[in-house]
Structures are given as C-alpha cells and as structure tokens.
Amino acid sequence: MFEKVLYKIVIILPYILLALSFISLILGVVKKSSKEPCKKYFILSAASIILGIIIFFIPMIIIINSMG
C-alpha cells in the first residue's frame, strides 16, 4: 500500500513542479519585458526545479534500497 502511494508521488509530483517552474519562468520573462524586475518568479522557478529533483530522487533511492 505504502509503495503504491510512493510510486504515485514519484511519478506525478516532479512533473507538477516542473510545470510550475516553466509557468513561473514564463511569467518572469513576461514581467521582465514590462520593465519590472521580478526576481520572485525566477526564484520560484529555481526552487520548484530543485524540489522536483529532490522529490524525484529521494523516493527512488528508498525504492532501490528496499529492493536490494
């Protein structure tokens, strides 16, 4: 039961965070072109990419360790 939930988290959540990072990156570019420096969108983009990588790799390590 727990492993099925873990697999769903591994599959779905990084893609959601990646989509959020692209949306915030696009918003940052749009806001930057309107002569307003909006660093919060770029920070949100970087943070969501980092969280996506962490959320993807930590459960994978746990799953690989539990198999072997």
N, C-alpha and C. Protein backbone atom coordinates (compact mmCIF):
# COMPACT_ATOMS: atom_id res chain seq x y z
N MET A 1 0.83 -1.20 0.00
CA MET A 1 0.00 0.00 0.00
C MET A 1 0.87 1.26 0.00
N PHE A 2 1.84 1.27 0.91
CA PHE A 2 2.71 2.44 1.01
C PHE A 2 3.55 2.61 -0.25
N GLU A 3 3.97 1.48 -0.83
CA GLU A 3 4.80 1.56 -2.03
C GLU A 3 4.03 2.10 -3.22
N LYS A 4 2.73 1.78 -3.31
CA LYS A 4 1.92 2.30 -4.42
C LYS A 4 1.78 3.82 -4.31
N VAL A 5 1.58 4.31 -3.09
CA VAL A 5 1.50 5.76 -2.88
C VAL A 5 2.83 6.41 -3.21
N LEU A 6 3.92 5.76 -2.83
CA LEU A 6 5.25 6.29 -3.11
C LEU A 6 5.52 6.34 -4.61
N TYR A 7 5.09 5.31 -5.33
CA TYR A 7 5.25 5.32 -6.78
C TYR A 7 4.47 6.46 -7.41
N LYS A 8 3.25 6.71 -6.93
CA LYS A 8 2.44 7.81 -7.47
C LYS A 8 3.09 9.16 -7.19
N ILE A 9 3.66 9.30 -6.00
CA ILE A 9 4.35 10.56 -5.66
C ILE A 9 5.56 10.75 -6.57
N VAL A 10 6.30 9.67 -6.80
CA VAL A 10 7.49 9.75 -7.65
C VAL A 10 7.11 10.12 -9.07
N ILE A 11 5.99 9.57 -9.56
CA ILE A 11 5.61 9.81 -10.95
C ILE A 11 4.98 11.18 -11.14
N ILE A 12 4.06 11.59 -10.28
CA ILE A 12 3.23 12.77 -10.55
C ILE A 12 3.86 14.07 -10.06
N LEU A 13 4.38 14.09 -8.85
CA LEU A 13 4.79 15.36 -8.23
C LEU A 13 5.93 16.08 -8.95
N PRO A 14 6.97 15.39 -9.42
CA PRO A 14 8.01 16.15 -10.15
C PRO A 14 7.51 16.83 -11.41
N TYR A 15 6.55 16.19 -12.09
CA TYR A 15 6.00 16.82 -13.29
C TYR A 15 5.18 18.06 -12.96
N ILE A 16 4.47 18.02 -11.84
CA ILE A 16 3.72 19.20 -11.40
C ILE A 16 4.68 20.33 -11.07
N LEU A 17 5.76 20.01 -10.36
CA LEU A 17 6.74 21.04 -10.02
C LEU A 17 7.47 21.56 -11.25
N LEU A 18 7.70 20.69 -12.22
CA LEU A 18 8.34 21.13 -13.46
C LEU A 18 7.42 22.06 -14.24
N ALA A 19 6.13 21.74 -14.27
CA ALA A 19 5.17 22.62 -14.93
C ALA A 19 5.10 23.96 -14.22
N LEU A 20 5.12 23.93 -12.88
CA LEU A 20 5.11 25.17 -12.11
C LEU A 20 6.35 26.00 -12.40
N SER A 21 7.49 25.35 -12.56
CA SER A 21 8.72 26.09 -12.83
C SER A 21 8.67 26.75 -14.20
N PHE A 22 8.13 26.04 -15.20
CA PHE A 22 8.03 26.65 -16.52
C PHE A 22 7.04 27.81 -16.54
N ILE A 23 5.93 27.66 -15.82
CA ILE A 23 4.95 28.75 -15.75
C ILE A 23 5.56 29.97 -15.08
N SER A 24 6.27 29.75 -13.97
CA SER A 24 6.88 30.88 -13.27
C SER A 24 8.02 31.49 -14.08
N LEU A 25 8.73 30.66 -14.85
CA LEU A 25 9.78 31.19 -15.71
C LEU A 25 9.20 32.05 -16.82
N ILE A 26 8.09 31.60 -17.41
CA ILE A 26 7.42 32.39 -18.45
C ILE A 26 6.89 33.69 -17.86
N LEU A 27 6.29 33.62 -16.68
CA LEU A 27 5.79 34.84 -16.03
C LEU A 27 6.94 35.80 -15.72
N GLY A 28 8.08 35.25 -15.32
CA GLY A 28 9.24 36.10 -15.05
C GLY A 28 9.74 36.79 -16.29
N VAL A 29 9.74 36.08 -17.42
CA VAL A 29 10.18 36.69 -18.67
C VAL A 29 9.18 37.76 -19.12
N VAL A 30 7.89 37.47 -18.97
CA VAL A 30 6.87 38.45 -19.36
C VAL A 30 6.95 39.69 -18.48
N LYS A 31 7.11 39.50 -17.19
CA LYS A 31 7.20 40.65 -16.28
C LYS A 31 8.50 41.42 -16.51
N LYS A 32 9.57 40.71 -16.86
CA LYS A 32 10.84 41.40 -17.09
C LYS A 32 10.77 42.25 -18.34
N SER A 33 10.01 41.79 -19.35
CA SER A 33 9.90 42.57 -20.57
C SER A 33 9.03 43.81 -20.37
N SER A 34 8.26 43.84 -19.28
CA SER A 34 7.44 45.02 -19.00
C SER A 34 8.18 46.00 -18.08
N LYS A 35 9.50 45.93 -18.08
CA LYS A 35 10.40 46.85 -17.36
C LYS A 35 10.23 46.79 -15.84
N GLU A 36 9.77 45.67 -15.33
CA GLU A 36 9.70 45.47 -13.89
C GLU A 36 10.59 44.28 -13.53
N PRO A 37 11.58 44.49 -12.69
CA PRO A 37 12.41 43.35 -12.31
C PRO A 37 11.66 42.44 -11.33
N CYS A 38 11.25 41.29 -11.78
CA CYS A 38 10.52 40.35 -10.93
C CYS A 38 11.39 39.13 -10.68
N LYS A 39 12.17 39.20 -9.63
CA LYS A 39 13.04 38.08 -9.30
C LYS A 39 12.28 36.96 -8.62
N LYS A 40 11.09 37.27 -8.08
CA LYS A 40 10.37 36.23 -7.35
C LYS A 40 9.94 35.09 -8.26
N TYR A 41 9.66 35.38 -9.53
CA TYR A 41 9.28 34.31 -10.45
C TYR A 41 10.47 33.42 -10.77
N PHE A 42 11.64 34.03 -10.92
CA PHE A 42 12.83 33.23 -11.19
C PHE A 42 13.23 32.41 -9.96
N ILE A 43 13.06 32.98 -8.77
CA ILE A 43 13.35 32.24 -7.54
C ILE A 43 12.37 31.08 -7.39
N LEU A 44 11.09 31.33 -7.68
CA LEU A 44 10.08 30.27 -7.62
C LEU A 44 10.38 29.17 -8.63
N SER A 45 10.85 29.56 -9.81
CA SER A 45 11.20 28.58 -10.84
C SER A 45 12.37 27.71 -10.39
N ALA A 46 13.40 28.34 -9.86
CA ALA A 46 14.57 27.58 -9.41
C ALA A 46 14.21 26.68 -8.23
N ALA A 47 13.40 27.19 -7.31
CA ALA A 47 13.02 26.40 -6.14
C ALA A 47 12.17 25.19 -6.54
N SER A 48 11.28 25.38 -7.50
CA SER A 48 10.44 24.25 -7.89
C SER A 48 11.23 23.21 -8.68
N ILE A 49 12.23 23.64 -9.45
CA ILE A 49 13.09 22.67 -10.13
C ILE A 49 13.90 21.86 -9.12
N ILE A 50 14.45 22.54 -8.12
CA ILE A 50 15.24 21.85 -7.09
C ILE A 50 14.36 20.89 -6.30
N LEU A 51 13.15 21.34 -5.93
CA LEU A 51 12.23 20.45 -5.20
C LEU A 51 11.82 19.26 -6.05
N GLY A 52 11.61 19.49 -7.34
CA GLY A 52 11.27 18.38 -8.22
C GLY A 52 12.37 17.34 -8.29
N ILE A 53 13.61 17.80 -8.35
CA ILE A 53 14.74 16.86 -8.39
C ILE A 53 14.84 16.10 -7.07
N ILE A 54 14.68 16.81 -5.96
CA ILE A 54 14.77 16.15 -4.65
C ILE A 54 13.64 15.15 -4.48
N ILE A 55 12.42 15.55 -4.82
CA ILE A 55 11.28 14.66 -4.65
C ILE A 55 11.36 13.47 -5.60
N PHE A 56 12.02 13.63 -6.73
CA PHE A 56 12.16 12.51 -7.65
C PHE A 56 13.22 11.52 -7.18
N PHE A 57 14.35 12.02 -6.70
CA PHE A 57 15.47 11.12 -6.43
C PHE A 57 15.42 10.46 -5.06
N ILE A 58 14.90 11.14 -4.03
CA ILE A 58 14.87 10.53 -2.69
C ILE A 58 13.99 9.28 -2.65
N PRO A 59 12.75 9.33 -3.16
CA PRO A 59 11.97 8.07 -3.16
C PRO A 59 12.58 6.99 -4.05
N MET A 60 13.25 7.38 -5.14
CA MET A 60 13.90 6.38 -5.98
C MET A 60 15.00 5.66 -5.21
N ILE A 61 15.76 6.40 -4.42
CA ILE A 61 16.82 5.79 -3.61
C ILE A 61 16.20 4.86 -2.58
N ILE A 62 15.09 5.28 -1.96
CA ILE A 62 14.42 4.44 -0.97
C ILE A 62 13.90 3.16 -1.62
N ILE A 63 13.31 3.29 -2.81
CA ILE A 63 12.77 2.11 -3.50
C ILE A 63 13.90 1.15 -3.90
N ILE A 64 15.00 1.69 -4.41
CA ILE A 64 16.13 0.84 -4.81
C ILE A 64 16.73 0.14 -3.60
N ASN A 65 16.84 0.85 -2.47
CA ASN A 65 17.40 0.23 -1.27
C ASN A 65 16.46 -0.83 -0.69
N SER A 66 15.15 -0.63 -0.82
CA SER A 66 14.22 -1.62 -0.28
C SER A 66 14.18 -2.88 -1.15
N MET A 67 14.50 -2.74 -2.43
CA MET A 67 14.52 -3.92 -3.31
C MET A 67 15.76 -4.79 -3.06
N GLY A 68 16.88 -4.15 -2.81
CA GLY A 68 18.12 -4.90 -2.67
C GLY A 68 18.42 -5.20 -1.26
